[in-house]
């Protein structure tokens, strides 16, 4: 029973990481398109990703017109996913 719960937690961590990755990539792609910032989809993606991207953006030095926060966010999400899955696997 304990292993089943841990398996579900690992699945949840992986799905959450994948969903965040997709949201960040979608936000990047939409930022290149002539779509209104007031669009419901843009506001949804901003709401989901800004809590992750905002602190990273503030911590990075200014890079002119380039925003590397999505790249670092994807790296951090990947690392956090691996650490959490490894820690959960050790509990099984």
N, C-alpha and C. Protein backbone atom coordinates (compact mmCIF):
# COMPACT_ATOMS: atom_id res chain seq x y z
N UNK A 1 0.83 -1.20 0.00
CA UNK A 1 0.00 0.00 0.00
C UNK A 1 0.87 1.26 0.00
N UNK A 2 1.94 1.26 0.79
CA UNK A 2 2.84 2.42 0.85
C UNK A 2 3.49 2.67 -0.51
N UNK A 3 3.89 1.60 -1.18
CA UNK A 3 4.52 1.74 -2.49
C UNK A 3 3.55 2.33 -3.50
N UNK A 4 2.28 1.99 -3.38
CA UNK A 4 1.27 2.52 -4.32
C UNK A 4 1.12 4.02 -4.12
N UNK A 5 1.07 4.46 -2.88
CA UNK A 5 0.95 5.89 -2.59
C UNK A 5 2.17 6.63 -3.13
N UNK A 6 3.34 6.08 -2.91
CA UNK A 6 4.57 6.72 -3.40
C UNK A 6 4.58 6.75 -4.93
N UNK A 7 4.09 5.69 -5.56
CA UNK A 7 4.01 5.67 -7.03
C UNK A 7 3.09 6.78 -7.53
N UNK A 8 1.97 6.99 -6.85
CA UNK A 8 1.06 8.06 -7.24
C UNK A 8 1.70 9.43 -7.02
N UNK A 9 2.46 9.58 -5.94
CA UNK A 9 3.15 10.85 -5.69
C UNK A 9 4.20 11.12 -6.76
N UNK A 10 4.93 10.09 -7.15
CA UNK A 10 5.92 10.24 -8.22
C UNK A 10 5.23 10.63 -9.53
N UNK A 11 4.12 9.98 -9.83
CA UNK A 11 3.37 10.33 -11.03
C UNK A 11 2.89 11.77 -10.97
N UNK A 12 2.40 12.19 -9.81
CA UNK A 12 1.93 13.58 -9.65
C UNK A 12 3.08 14.56 -9.88
N UNK A 13 4.24 14.31 -9.30
CA UNK A 13 5.39 15.19 -9.47
C UNK A 13 5.76 15.28 -10.95
N UNK A 14 5.79 14.15 -11.63
CA UNK A 14 6.15 14.15 -13.06
C UNK A 14 5.13 14.90 -13.91
N UNK A 15 3.83 14.68 -13.62
CA UNK A 15 2.79 15.38 -14.37
C UNK A 15 2.81 16.88 -14.11
N UNK A 16 3.04 17.27 -12.86
CA UNK A 16 3.11 18.69 -12.53
C UNK A 16 4.30 19.35 -13.23
N UNK A 17 5.45 18.69 -13.22
CA UNK A 17 6.62 19.23 -13.91
C UNK A 17 6.35 19.37 -15.40
N UNK A 18 5.72 18.37 -15.99
CA UNK A 18 5.42 18.43 -17.42
C UNK A 18 4.43 19.55 -17.73
N UNK A 19 3.42 19.71 -16.90
CA UNK A 19 2.43 20.77 -17.10
C UNK A 19 3.09 22.15 -16.99
N UNK A 20 3.97 22.33 -16.02
CA UNK A 20 4.68 23.60 -15.89
C UNK A 20 5.58 23.86 -17.09
N UNK A 21 6.27 22.83 -17.56
CA UNK A 21 7.12 22.97 -18.75
C UNK A 21 6.30 23.41 -19.95
N UNK A 22 5.16 22.78 -20.15
CA UNK A 22 4.29 23.12 -21.29
C UNK A 22 3.78 24.54 -21.15
N UNK A 23 3.37 24.93 -19.95
CA UNK A 23 2.87 26.29 -19.74
C UNK A 23 3.95 27.33 -20.02
N UNK A 24 5.16 27.07 -19.58
CA UNK A 24 6.26 28.01 -19.83
C UNK A 24 6.57 28.09 -21.32
N UNK A 25 6.64 26.95 -21.98
CA UNK A 25 6.92 26.97 -23.42
C UNK A 25 5.79 27.65 -24.20
N UNK A 26 4.55 27.41 -23.80
CA UNK A 26 3.42 28.08 -24.46
C UNK A 26 3.50 29.59 -24.25
N UNK A 27 3.88 30.00 -23.04
CA UNK A 27 4.00 31.45 -22.78
C UNK A 27 5.08 32.06 -23.65
N UNK A 28 6.19 31.37 -23.81
CA UNK A 28 7.27 31.88 -24.66
C UNK A 28 6.79 32.01 -26.10
N UNK A 29 6.14 30.98 -26.60
CA UNK A 29 5.67 31.01 -27.99
C UNK A 29 4.64 32.11 -28.19
N UNK A 30 3.70 32.24 -27.24
CA UNK A 30 2.68 33.29 -27.37
C UNK A 30 3.29 34.68 -27.28
N UNK A 31 4.42 34.82 -26.59
CA UNK A 31 5.04 36.14 -26.50
C UNK A 31 5.60 36.59 -27.85
N UNK A 32 5.84 35.65 -28.75
CA UNK A 32 6.35 35.99 -30.07
C UNK A 32 5.25 36.34 -31.05
N UNK A 33 4.01 36.03 -30.69
CA UNK A 33 2.88 36.22 -31.60
C UNK A 33 2.14 37.52 -31.28
N UNK A 34 1.50 38.09 -32.29
CA UNK A 34 0.75 39.34 -32.06
C UNK A 34 -0.62 39.05 -31.39
N UNK A 35 -0.56 38.62 -30.14
CA UNK A 35 -1.77 38.30 -29.39
C UNK A 35 -1.90 39.31 -28.26
N UNK A 36 -3.10 39.77 -28.02
CA UNK A 36 -3.33 40.75 -26.95
C UNK A 36 -2.95 40.17 -25.59
N UNK A 37 -2.32 40.99 -24.77
CA UNK A 37 -1.96 40.57 -23.41
C UNK A 37 -3.20 40.37 -22.56
N UNK A 38 -4.35 40.87 -23.02
CA UNK A 38 -5.62 40.73 -22.30
C UNK A 38 -6.35 39.44 -22.66
N UNK A 39 -5.79 38.68 -23.58
CA UNK A 39 -6.40 37.40 -23.97
C UNK A 39 -6.49 36.49 -22.75
N UNK A 40 -7.56 35.72 -22.66
CA UNK A 40 -7.75 34.81 -21.54
C UNK A 40 -6.63 33.79 -21.42
N UNK A 41 -6.18 33.25 -22.55
CA UNK A 41 -5.11 32.26 -22.53
C UNK A 41 -3.80 32.87 -22.04
N UNK A 42 -3.50 34.07 -22.51
CA UNK A 42 -2.27 34.75 -22.09
C UNK A 42 -2.33 35.03 -20.60
N UNK A 43 -3.47 35.52 -20.11
CA UNK A 43 -3.60 35.80 -18.67
C UNK A 43 -3.49 34.54 -17.84
N UNK A 44 -4.06 33.42 -18.33
CA UNK A 44 -3.96 32.14 -17.62
C UNK A 44 -2.51 31.69 -17.54
N UNK A 45 -1.81 31.72 -18.67
CA UNK A 45 -0.40 31.30 -18.68
C UNK A 45 0.46 32.22 -17.82
N UNK A 46 0.18 33.52 -17.86
CA UNK A 46 0.92 34.46 -17.01
C UNK A 46 0.69 34.13 -15.54
N UNK A 47 -0.55 33.85 -15.17
CA UNK A 47 -0.87 33.53 -13.79
C UNK A 47 -0.21 32.24 -13.32
N UNK A 48 -0.10 31.26 -14.21
CA UNK A 48 0.52 29.99 -13.85
C UNK A 48 2.05 30.06 -13.78
N UNK A 49 2.63 30.86 -14.65
CA UNK A 49 4.09 30.84 -14.77
C UNK A 49 4.81 31.99 -14.09
N UNK A 50 4.14 33.10 -13.86
CA UNK A 50 4.82 34.26 -13.27
C UNK A 50 5.36 33.99 -11.87
N UNK A 51 4.68 33.17 -11.02
CA UNK A 51 5.28 32.87 -9.72
C UNK A 51 6.63 32.14 -9.83
N UNK A 52 6.87 31.50 -10.95
CA UNK A 52 8.15 30.83 -11.18
C UNK A 52 9.13 31.77 -11.89
N UNK A 53 8.65 32.41 -12.94
CA UNK A 53 9.54 33.23 -13.77
C UNK A 53 9.92 34.56 -13.11
N UNK A 54 9.01 35.15 -12.36
CA UNK A 54 9.26 36.46 -11.75
C UNK A 54 10.50 36.47 -10.85
N UNK A 55 10.57 35.57 -9.87
CA UNK A 55 11.76 35.56 -9.00
C UNK A 55 13.06 35.26 -9.77
N UNK A 56 12.97 34.39 -10.77
CA UNK A 56 14.17 34.09 -11.56
C UNK A 56 14.58 35.34 -12.34
N UNK A 57 13.62 36.03 -12.93
CA UNK A 57 13.90 37.25 -13.69
C UNK A 57 14.56 38.31 -12.81
N UNK A 58 14.07 38.44 -11.58
CA UNK A 58 14.65 39.42 -10.66
C UNK A 58 16.06 39.04 -10.22
N UNK A 59 16.35 37.74 -10.16
CA UNK A 59 17.67 37.28 -9.71
C UNK A 59 18.71 37.35 -10.82
N UNK A 60 18.27 37.29 -12.07
CA UNK A 60 19.21 37.32 -13.20
C UNK A 60 19.64 38.75 -13.49
N UNK A 61 20.89 38.93 -13.91
CA UNK A 61 21.31 40.27 -14.33
C UNK A 61 20.61 40.63 -15.64
N UNK A 62 20.45 41.91 -15.90
CA UNK A 62 19.80 42.36 -17.13
C UNK A 62 20.53 41.88 -18.37
N UNK A 63 19.78 41.35 -19.31
CA UNK A 63 20.38 40.83 -20.55
C UNK A 63 19.84 41.60 -21.76
N UNK A 64 19.50 42.84 -21.56
CA UNK A 64 18.96 43.62 -22.66
C UNK A 64 17.56 43.16 -23.00
N UNK A 65 17.32 42.92 -24.27
CA UNK A 65 15.98 42.54 -24.70
C UNK A 65 15.72 41.03 -24.58
N UNK A 66 16.69 40.28 -24.11
CA UNK A 66 16.54 38.84 -23.98
C UNK A 66 16.12 38.46 -22.57
N UNK A 67 15.14 37.58 -22.47
CA UNK A 67 14.67 37.09 -21.17
C UNK A 67 15.01 35.60 -21.09
N UNK A 68 16.00 35.29 -20.28
CA UNK A 68 16.44 33.91 -20.14
C UNK A 68 15.75 33.19 -18.99
N UNK A 69 14.82 33.85 -18.32
CA UNK A 69 14.15 33.22 -17.17
C UNK A 69 13.41 31.94 -17.55
N UNK A 70 12.76 31.84 -18.71
CA UNK A 70 12.12 30.56 -19.04
C UNK A 70 13.11 29.41 -19.15
N UNK A 71 14.29 29.68 -19.72
CA UNK A 71 15.32 28.65 -19.84
C UNK A 71 15.74 28.15 -18.45
N UNK A 72 16.03 29.09 -17.54
CA UNK A 72 16.44 28.70 -16.20
C UNK A 72 15.29 28.03 -15.44
N UNK A 73 14.07 28.47 -15.69
CA UNK A 73 12.92 27.85 -15.04
C UNK A 73 12.78 26.39 -15.46
N UNK A 74 12.95 26.13 -16.74
CA UNK A 74 12.87 24.75 -17.23
C UNK A 74 13.96 23.89 -16.60
N UNK A 75 15.15 24.45 -16.46
CA UNK A 75 16.24 23.72 -15.80
C UNK A 75 15.91 23.44 -14.33
N UNK A 76 15.43 24.44 -13.64
CA UNK A 76 15.10 24.28 -12.22
C UNK A 76 13.96 23.28 -12.01
N UNK A 77 12.96 23.33 -12.87
CA UNK A 77 11.85 22.38 -12.76
C UNK A 77 12.36 20.97 -12.98
N UNK A 78 13.21 20.79 -13.96
CA UNK A 78 13.78 19.47 -14.24
C UNK A 78 14.59 18.96 -13.05
N UNK A 79 15.41 19.83 -12.48
CA UNK A 79 16.22 19.42 -11.33
C UNK A 79 15.34 19.10 -10.12
N UNK A 80 14.33 19.93 -9.87
CA UNK A 80 13.43 19.69 -8.74
C UNK A 80 12.67 18.39 -8.92
N UNK A 81 12.24 18.13 -10.15
CA UNK A 81 11.53 16.87 -10.44
C UNK A 81 12.43 15.67 -10.13
N UNK A 82 13.66 15.73 -10.59
CA UNK A 82 14.59 14.61 -10.36
C UNK A 82 14.86 14.39 -8.88
N UNK A 83 15.07 15.48 -8.15
CA UNK A 83 15.34 15.36 -6.72
C UNK A 83 14.12 14.78 -5.99
N UNK A 84 12.93 15.29 -6.31
CA UNK A 84 11.72 14.79 -5.65
C UNK A 84 11.45 13.33 -5.99
N UNK A 85 11.60 12.96 -7.25
CA UNK A 85 11.37 11.57 -7.64
C UNK A 85 12.39 10.65 -6.97
N UNK A 86 13.63 11.09 -6.91
CA UNK A 86 14.66 10.29 -6.23
C UNK A 86 14.34 10.14 -4.75
N UNK A 87 13.97 11.24 -4.10
CA UNK A 87 13.64 11.18 -2.68
C UNK A 87 12.42 10.29 -2.43
N UNK A 88 11.41 10.39 -3.27
CA UNK A 88 10.24 9.54 -3.11
C UNK A 88 10.57 8.08 -3.38
N UNK A 89 11.43 7.84 -4.36
CA UNK A 89 11.83 6.46 -4.66
C UNK A 89 12.57 5.83 -3.49
N UNK A 90 13.33 6.63 -2.77
CA UNK A 90 14.05 6.11 -1.60
C UNK A 90 13.08 5.71 -0.49
N UNK A 91 11.91 6.31 -0.45
CA UNK A 91 10.92 5.97 0.57
C UNK A 91 10.20 4.66 0.28
N UNK A 92 10.20 4.26 -0.98
CA UNK A 92 9.47 3.06 -1.38
C UNK A 92 10.12 1.79 -0.84
